[in-house]
Amino acid sequence: MHIRVETRIGHGGIEMPLRFFFDGRKVAVAENLDRWPGPSDCYFKVKGDDGNLYIVRLDENRAEWDLVLFQSASAEGSVP
């Protein structure tokens, strides 16, 4: 799912998600949990200010962001 993302420049000049928008919702990034690069993209695992976990992907060639994974805070621990 394509999303709109506002970013900030983090340590080492890396573009980091600050907040993102989808389905009429605005989610601020409360914590950047992990980051890993791919061949032409970069993935970020973040905790939103809503308590949910998200994985978002930046396609660096097209400068487009996608929501890859969403996990509700209420669902945490419910899946083995």
PDB file of N, CA and C in Angstrom:
ATOM      1  N   MET A   1       0.850  -1.172   0.000  1.00  0.00           N
ATOM      2  CA  MET A   1       0.000   0.000   0.000  1.00  0.00           C
ATOM      3  C   MET A   1       0.896   1.235   0.000  1.00  0.00           C
ATOM      4  N   HIS A   2       0.703   2.106  -0.999  1.00  0.00           N
ATOM      5  CA  HIS A   2       1.457   3.354  -1.044  1.00  0.00           C
ATOM      6  C   HIS A   2       1.004   4.261   0.091  1.00  0.00           C
ATOM      7  N   ILE A   3       1.968   4.927   0.710  1.00  0.00           N
ATOM      8  CA  ILE A   3       1.670   5.868   1.789  1.00  0.00           C
ATOM      9  C   ILE A   3       2.475   7.144   1.556  1.00  0.00           C
ATOM     10  N   ARG A   4       2.022   8.206   2.189  1.00  0.00           N
ATOM     11  CA  ARG A   4       2.770   9.469   2.164  1.00  0.00           C
ATOM     12  C   ARG A   4       3.557   9.552   3.459  1.00  0.00           C
ATOM     13  N   VAL A   5       4.831   9.896   3.364  1.00  0.00           N
ATOM     14  CA  VAL A   5       5.712   9.908   4.528  1.00  0.00           C
ATOM     15  C   VAL A   5       6.435  11.246   4.610  1.00  0.00           C
ATOM     16  N   GLU A   6       6.456  11.814   5.811  1.00  0.00           N
ATOM     17  CA  GLU A   6       7.304  12.967   6.093  1.00  0.00           C
ATOM     18  C   GLU A   6       8.552  12.420   6.764  1.00  0.00           C
ATOM     19  N   THR A   7       9.712  12.937   6.374  1.00  0.00           N
ATOM     20  CA  THR A   7      10.968  12.388   6.850  1.00  0.00           C
ATOM     21  C   THR A   7      11.830  13.442   7.532  1.00  0.00           C
ATOM     22  N   ARG A   8      12.860  12.939   8.162  1.00  0.00           N
ATOM     23  CA  ARG A   8      13.924  13.777   8.721  1.00  0.00           C
ATOM     24  C   ARG A   8      15.238  13.112   8.343  1.00  0.00           C
ATOM     25  N   ILE A   9      16.303  13.862   8.387  1.00  0.00           N
ATOM     26  CA  ILE A   9      17.621  13.309   8.108  1.00  0.00           C
ATOM     27  C   ILE A   9      18.209  12.839   9.433  1.00  0.00           C
ATOM     28  N   GLY A  10      18.500  11.556   9.495  1.00  0.00           N
ATOM     29  CA  GLY A  10      19.042  10.948  10.704  1.00  0.00           C
ATOM     30  C   GLY A  10      20.553  10.881  10.681  1.00  0.00           C
ATOM     31  N   HIS A  11      21.095  10.114  11.616  1.00  0.00           N
ATOM     32  CA  HIS A  11      22.534   9.916  11.744  1.00  0.00           C
ATOM     33  C   HIS A  11      23.117   9.394  10.434  1.00  0.00           C
ATOM     34  N   GLY A  12      24.194   9.969   9.994  1.00  0.00           N
ATOM     35  CA  GLY A  12      24.842   9.547   8.761  1.00  0.00           C
ATOM     36  C   GLY A  12      24.153  10.032   7.505  1.00  0.00           C
ATOM     37  N   GLY A  13      23.214  10.977   7.639  1.00  0.00           N
ATOM     38  CA  GLY A  13      22.531  11.532   6.473  1.00  0.00           C
ATOM     39  C   GLY A  13      21.449  10.635   5.902  1.00  0.00           C
ATOM     40  N   ILE A  14      21.000   9.654   6.689  1.00  0.00           N
ATOM     41  CA  ILE A  14      19.988   8.704   6.226  1.00  0.00           C
ATOM     42  C   ILE A  14      18.595   9.299   6.415  1.00  0.00           C
ATOM     43  N   GLU A  15      17.781   9.205   5.367  1.00  0.00           N
ATOM     44  CA  GLU A  15      16.395   9.666   5.423  1.00  0.00           C
ATOM     45  C   GLU A  15      15.594   8.705   6.310  1.00  0.00           C
ATOM     46  N   MET A  16      14.951   9.245   7.353  1.00  0.00           N
ATOM     47  CA  MET A  16      14.216   8.441   8.322  1.00  0.00           C
ATOM     48  C   MET A  16      12.753   8.898   8.355  1.00  0.00           C
ATOM     49  N   PRO A  17      11.799   7.955   8.492  1.00  0.00           N
ATOM     50  CA  PRO A  17      10.394   8.357   8.588  1.00  0.00           C
ATOM     51  C   PRO A  17      10.123   9.087   9.908  1.00  0.00           C
ATOM     52  N   LEU A  18       9.390  10.172   9.812  1.00  0.00           N
ATOM     53  CA  LEU A  18       9.005  10.971  10.980  1.00  0.00           C
ATOM     54  C   LEU A  18       7.523  10.777  11.285  1.00  0.00           C
ATOM     55  N   ARG A  19       6.714  10.780  10.233  1.00  0.00           N
ATOM     56  CA  ARG A  19       5.275  10.492  10.343  1.00  0.00           C
ATOM     57  C   ARG A  19       4.788  10.051   8.980  1.00  0.00           C
ATOM     58  N   PHE A  20       3.678   9.286   8.979  1.00  0.00           N
ATOM     59  CA  PHE A  20       3.139   8.826   7.700  1.00  0.00           C
ATOM     60  C   PHE A  20       1.628   8.840   7.732  1.00  0.00           C
ATOM     61  N   PHE A  21       1.049   8.811   6.534  1.00  0.00           N
ATOM     62  CA  PHE A  21      -0.385   9.001   6.349  1.00  0.00           C
ATOM     63  C   PHE A  21      -0.934   7.899   5.443  1.00  0.00           C
ATOM     64  N   PHE A  22      -2.045   7.279   5.873  1.00  0.00           N
ATOM     65  CA  PHE A  22      -2.732   6.289   5.046  1.00  0.00           C
ATOM     66  C   PHE A  22      -4.154   6.141   5.556  1.00  0.00           C
ATOM     67  N   ASP A  23      -5.083   5.856   4.668  1.00  0.00           N
ATOM     68  CA  ASP A  23      -6.491   5.657   5.007  1.00  0.00           C
ATOM     69  C   ASP A  23      -7.046   6.759   5.909  1.00  0.00           C
ATOM     70  N   GLY A  24      -6.642   7.999   5.658  1.00  0.00           N
ATOM     71  CA  GLY A  24      -7.128   9.120   6.450  1.00  0.00           C
ATOM     72  C   GLY A  24      -6.527   9.220   7.844  1.00  0.00           C
ATOM     73  N   ARG A  25      -5.529   8.408   8.133  1.00  0.00           N
ATOM     74  CA  ARG A  25      -4.878   8.406   9.448  1.00  0.00           C
ATOM     75  C   ARG A  25      -3.515   9.069   9.369  1.00  0.00           C
ATOM     76  N   LYS A  26      -3.105   9.678  10.469  1.00  0.00           N
ATOM     77  CA  LYS A  26      -1.755  10.233  10.607  1.00  0.00           C
ATOM     78  C   LYS A  26      -1.098   9.506  11.766  1.00  0.00           C
ATOM     79  N   VAL A  27       0.056   8.926  11.523  1.00  0.00           N
ATOM     80  CA  VAL A  27       0.792   8.196  12.554  1.00  0.00           C
ATOM     81  C   VAL A  27       2.178   8.813  12.689  1.00  0.00           C
ATOM     82  N   ALA A  28       2.476   9.299  13.877  1.00  0.00           N
ATOM     83  CA  ALA A  28       3.820   9.812  14.148  1.00  0.00           C
ATOM     84  C   ALA A  28       4.696   8.649  14.601  1.00  0.00           C
ATOM     85  N   VAL A  29       5.953   8.671  14.193  1.00  0.00           N
ATOM     86  CA  VAL A  29       6.890   7.632  14.600  1.00  0.00           C
ATOM     87  C   VAL A  29       7.364   7.954  16.017  1.00  0.00           C
ATOM     88  N   ALA A  30       7.017   7.070  16.951  1.00  0.00           N
ATOM     89  CA  ALA A  30       7.438   7.244  18.338  1.00  0.00           C
ATOM     90  C   ALA A  30       8.843   6.695  18.555  1.00  0.00           C
ATOM     91  N   GLU A  31       9.173   5.628  17.797  1.00  0.00           N
ATOM     92  CA  GLU A  31      10.481   5.000  17.965  1.00  0.00           C
ATOM     93  C   GLU A  31      10.871   4.257  16.685  1.00  0.00           C
ATOM     94  N   ASN A  32      12.102   4.474  16.249  1.00  0.00           N
ATOM     95  CA  ASN A  32      12.663   3.696  15.142  1.00  0.00           C
ATOM     96  C   ASN A  32      13.315   2.468  15.761  1.00  0.00           C
ATOM     97  N   LEU A  33      12.768   1.286  15.456  1.00  0.00           N
ATOM     98  CA  LEU A  33      13.235   0.058  16.079  1.00  0.00           C
ATOM     99  C   LEU A  33      14.339  -0.641  15.293  1.00  0.00           C
ATOM    100  N   ASP A  34      14.280  -0.568  13.970  1.00  0.00           N
ATOM    101  CA  ASP A  34      15.260  -1.261  13.144  1.00  0.00           C
ATOM    102  C   ASP A  34      15.243  -0.671  11.744  1.00  0.00           C
ATOM    103  N   ARG A  35      16.315  -0.924  11.013  1.00  0.00           N
ATOM    104  CA  ARG A  35      16.427  -0.452   9.634  1.00  0.00           C
ATOM    105  C   ARG A  35      17.345  -1.413   8.901  1.00  0.00           C
ATOM    106  N   TRP A  36      16.957  -1.774   7.679  1.00  0.00           N
ATOM    107  CA  TRP A  36      17.828  -2.617   6.874  1.00  0.00           C
ATOM    108  C   TRP A  36      17.665  -2.268   5.406  1.00  0.00           C
ATOM    109  N   PRO A  37      18.795  -2.203   4.694  1.00  0.00           N
ATOM    110  CA  PRO A  37      18.762  -1.841   3.280  1.00  0.00           C
ATOM    111  C   PRO A  37      18.555  -3.055   2.388  1.00  0.00           C
ATOM    112  N   GLY A  38      17.956  -2.798   1.243  1.00  0.00           N
ATOM    113  CA  GLY A  38      17.846  -3.776   0.167  1.00  0.00           C
ATOM    114  C   GLY A  38      18.652  -3.258  -1.009  1.00  0.00           C
ATOM    115  N   PRO A  39      18.586  -3.933  -2.151  1.00  0.00           N
ATOM    116  CA  PRO A  39      19.369  -3.501  -3.316  1.00  0.00           C
ATOM    117  C   PRO A  39      19.017  -2.088  -3.789  1.00  0.00           C
ATOM    118  N   SER A  40      17.746  -1.739  -3.790  1.00  0.00           N
ATOM    119  CA  SER A  40      17.334  -0.401  -4.251  1.00  0.00           C
ATOM    120  C   SER A  40      16.285   0.193  -3.321  1.00  0.00           C
ATOM    121  N   ASP A  41      16.197  -0.345  -2.104  1.00  0.00           N
ATOM    122  CA  ASP A  41      15.217   0.171  -1.160  1.00  0.00           C
ATOM    123  C   ASP A  41      15.739   0.030   0.261  1.00  0.00           C
ATOM    124  N   CYS A  42      14.998   0.600   1.180  1.00  0.00           N
ATOM    125  CA  CYS A  42      15.375   0.549   2.582  1.00  0.00           C
ATOM    126  C   CYS A  42      14.107   0.314   3.397  1.00  0.00           C
ATOM    127  N   TYR A  43      14.189  -0.594   4.345  1.00  0.00           N
ATOM    128  CA  TYR A  43      13.057  -0.938   5.203  1.00  0.00           C
ATOM    129  C   TYR A  43      13.278  -0.360   6.591  1.00  0.00           C
ATOM    130  N   PHE A  44      12.168   0.062   7.224  1.00  0.00           N
ATOM    131  CA  PHE A  44      12.210   0.603   8.569  1.00  0.00           C
ATOM    132  C   PHE A  44      11.124  -0.073   9.405  1.00  0.00           C
ATOM    133  N   LYS A  45      11.508  -0.572  10.568  1.00  0.00           N
ATOM    134  CA  LYS A  45      10.540  -1.095  11.536  1.00  0.00           C
ATOM    135  C   LYS A  45      10.377  -0.002  12.585  1.00  0.00           C
ATOM    136  N   VAL A  46       9.144   0.500  12.719  1.00  0.00           N
ATOM    137  CA  VAL A  46       8.898   1.621  13.622  1.00  0.00           C
ATOM    138  C   VAL A  46       7.704   1.323  14.524  1.00  0.00           C
ATOM    139  N   LYS A  47       7.707   1.994  15.668  1.00  0.00           N
ATOM    140  CA  LYS A  47       6.550   1.965  16.562  1.00  0.00           C
ATOM    141  C   LYS A  47       5.856   3.305  16.414  1.00  0.00           C
ATOM    142  N   GLY A  48       4.555   3.258  16.121  1.00  0.00           N
ATOM    143  CA  GLY A  48       3.791   4.485  15.956  1.00  0.00           C
ATOM    144  C   GLY A  48       3.344   5.064  17.283  1.00  0.00           C
ATOM    145  N   ASP A  49       2.934   6.321  17.267  1.00  0.00           N
ATOM    146  CA  ASP A  49       2.425   6.949  18.482  1.00  0.00           C
ATOM    147  C   ASP A  49       1.103   6.332  18.925  1.00  0.00           C
ATOM    148  N   ASP A  50       0.539   5.459  18.097  1.00  0.00           N
ATOM    149  CA  ASP A  50      -0.681   4.727  18.443  1.00  0.00           C
ATOM    150  C   ASP A  50      -0.362   3.387  19.113  1.00  0.00           C
ATOM    151  N   GLY A  51       0.934   3.092  19.321  1.00  0.00           N
ATOM    152  CA  GLY A  51       1.354   1.853  19.959  1.00  0.00           C
ATOM    153  C   GLY A  51       1.506   0.681  19.006  1.00  0.00           C
ATOM    154  N   ASN A  52       1.141   0.846  17.745  1.00  0.00           N
ATOM    155  CA  ASN A  52       1.218  -0.229  16.766  1.00  0.00           C
ATOM    156  C   ASN A  52       2.609  -0.304  16.137  1.00  0.00           C
ATOM    157  N   LEU A  53       2.938  -1.481  15.596  1.00  0.00           N
ATOM    158  CA  LEU A  53       4.198  -1.676  14.894  1.00  0.00           C
ATOM    159  C   LEU A  53       3.961  -1.629  13.395  1.00  0.00           C
ATOM    160  N   TYR A  54       4.906  -1.034  12.679  1.00  0.00           N
ATOM    161  CA  TYR A  54       4.804  -0.889  11.233  1.00  0.00           C
ATOM    162  C   TYR A  54       6.155  -1.204  10.603  1.00  0.00           C
ATOM    163  N   ILE A  55       6.124  -1.775   9.415  1.00  0.00           N
ATOM    164  CA  ILE A  55       7.310  -1.844   8.574  1.00  0.00           C
ATOM    165  C   ILE A  55       6.970  -1.070   7.312  1.00  0.00           C
ATOM    166  N   VAL A  56       7.788  -0.060   7.039  1.00  0.00           N
ATOM    167  CA  VAL A  56       7.604   0.766   5.852  1.00  0.00           C
ATOM    168  C   VAL A  56       8.842   0.636   4.982  1.00  0.00           C
ATOM    169  N   ARG A  57       8.637   0.768   3.681  1.00  0.00           N
ATOM    170  CA  ARG A  57       9.725   0.596   2.714  1.00  0.00           C
ATOM    171  C   ARG A  57       9.842   1.826   1.842  1.00  0.00           C
ATOM    172  N   LEU A  58      11.055   2.292   1.690  1.00  0.00           N
ATOM    173  CA  LEU A  58      11.361   3.383   0.768  1.00  0.00           C
ATOM    174  C   LEU A  58      11.991   2.801  -0.482  1.00  0.00           C
ATOM    175  N   ASP A  59      11.332   2.974  -1.614  1.00  0.00           N
ATOM    176  CA  ASP A  59      11.907   2.612  -2.910  1.00  0.00           C
ATOM    177  C   ASP A  59      12.765   3.804  -3.321  1.00  0.00           C
ATOM    178  N   GLU A  60      14.055   3.652  -3.187  1.00  0.00           N
ATOM    179  CA  GLU A  60      14.967   4.780  -3.407  1.00  0.00           C
ATOM    180  C   GLU A  60      15.029   5.220  -4.865  1.00  0.00           C
ATOM    181  N   ASN A  61      14.781   4.318  -5.797  1.00  0.00           N
ATOM    182  CA  ASN A  61      14.807   4.684  -7.219  1.00  0.00           C
ATOM    183  C   ASN A  61      13.621   5.558  -7.597  1.00  0.00           C
ATOM    184  N   ARG A  62      12.455   5.266  -7.026  1.00  0.00           N
ATOM    185  CA  ARG A  62      11.239   6.014  -7.365  1.00  0.00           C
ATOM    186  C   ARG A  62      10.862   7.036  -6.300  1.00  0.00           C
ATOM    187  N   ALA A  63      11.558   7.039  -5.176  1.00  0.00           N
ATOM    188  CA  ALA A  63      11.255   7.938  -4.052  1.00  0.00           C
ATOM    189  C   ALA A  63       9.803   7.759  -3.605  1.00  0.00           C
ATOM    190  N   GLU A  64       9.381   6.493  -3.521  1.00  0.00           N
ATOM    191  CA  GLU A  64       8.024   6.160  -3.081  1.00  0.00           C
ATOM    192  C   GLU A  64       8.086   5.278  -1.839  1.00  0.00           C
ATOM    193  N   TRP A  65       7.099   5.472  -0.970  1.00  0.00           N
ATOM    194  CA  TRP A  65       7.009   4.714   0.274  1.00  0.00           C
ATOM    195  C   TRP A  65       5.823   3.757   0.221  1.00  0.00           C
ATOM    196  N   ASP A  66       5.999   2.593   0.855  1.00  0.00           N
ATOM    197  CA  ASP A  66       4.935   1.597   0.968  1.00  0.00           C
ATOM    198  C   ASP A  66       4.834   1.124   2.407  1.00  0.00           C
ATOM    199  N   LEU A  67       3.609   0.842   2.831  1.00  0.00           N
ATOM    200  CA  LEU A  67       3.373   0.173   4.101  1.00  0.00           C
ATOM    201  C   LEU A  67       3.440  -1.322   3.813  1.00  0.00           C
ATOM    202  N   VAL A  68       4.398  -2.010   4.423  1.00  0.00           N
ATOM    203  CA  VAL A  68       4.634  -3.427   4.158  1.00  0.00           C
ATOM    204  C   VAL A  68       3.940  -4.294   5.197  1.00  0.00           C
ATOM    205  N   LEU A  69       3.973  -3.859   6.470  1.00  0.00           N
ATOM    206  CA  LEU A  69       3.401  -4.654   7.546  1.00  0.00           C
ATOM    207  C   LEU A  69       2.822  -3.748   8.609  1.00  0.00           C
ATOM    208  N   PHE A  70       1.700  -4.173   9.170  1.00  0.00           N
ATOM    209  CA  PHE A  70       1.055  -3.479  10.284  1.00  0.00           C
ATOM    210  C   PHE A  70       0.726  -4.521  11.332  1.00  0.00           C
ATOM    211  N   GLN A  71       1.088  -4.259  12.585  1.00  0.00           N
ATOM    212  CA  GLN A  71       0.713  -5.151  13.679  1.00  0.00           C
ATOM    213  C   GLN A  71       0.094  -4.307  14.780  1.00  0.00           C
ATOM    214  N   SER A  72      -1.151  -4.606  15.095  1.00  0.00           N
ATOM    215  CA  SER A  72      -1.862  -3.890  16.140  1.00  0.00           C
ATOM    216  C   SER A  72      -1.255  -4.208  17.492  1.00  0.00           C
ATOM    217  N   ALA A  73      -1.143  -3.188  18.340  1.00  0.00           N
ATOM    218  CA  ALA A  73      -0.615  -3.383  19.683  1.00  0.00           C
ATOM    219  C   ALA A  73      -1.478  -4.369  20.460  1.00  0.00           C
ATOM    220  N   SER A  74      -2.765  -4.396  20.189  1.00  0.00           N
ATOM    221  CA  SER A  74      -3.663  -5.325  20.898  1.00  0.00           C
ATOM    222  C   SER A  74      -3.458  -6.757  20.439  1.00  0.00           C
ATOM    223  N   ALA A  75      -2.837  -6.973  19.278  1.00  0.00           N
ATOM    224  CA  ALA A  75      -2.599  -8.311  18.770  1.00  0.00           C
ATOM    225  C   ALA A  75      -1.249  -8.863  19.216  1.00  0.00           C
ATOM    226  N   GLU A  76      -0.404  -8.012  19.822  1.00  0.00           N
ATOM    227  CA  GLU A  76       0.918  -8.444  20.249  1.00  0.00           C
ATOM    228  C   GLU A  76       0.803  -9.618  21.197  1.00  0.00           C
ATOM    229  N   GLY A  77       1.583 -10.606  20.957  1.00  0.00           N
ATOM    230  CA  GLY A  77       1.582 -11.778  21.821  1.00  0.00           C
ATOM    231  C   GLY A  77       0.507 -12.789  21.498  1.00  0.00           C
ATOM    232  N   SER A  78      -0.406 -12.459  20.566  1.00  0.00           N
ATOM    233  CA  SER A  78      -1.480 -13.379  20.249  1.00  0.00           C
ATOM    234  C   SER A  78      -1.076 -14.393  19.188  1.00  0.00           C
ATOM    235  N   VAL A  79       0.030 -14.115  18.496  1.00  0.00           N
ATOM    236  CA  VAL A  79       0.511 -15.034  17.467  1.00  0.00           C
ATOM    237  C   VAL A  79       1.800 -15.659  17.961  1.00  0.00           C
ATOM    238  N   PRO A  80       1.909 -16.976  17.953  1.00  0.00           N
ATOM    239  CA  PRO A  80       3.132 -17.628  18.467  1.00  0.00           C
ATOM    240  C   PRO A  80       4.342 -17.295  17.632  1.00  0.00           C
TER     241      PRO A  80
END
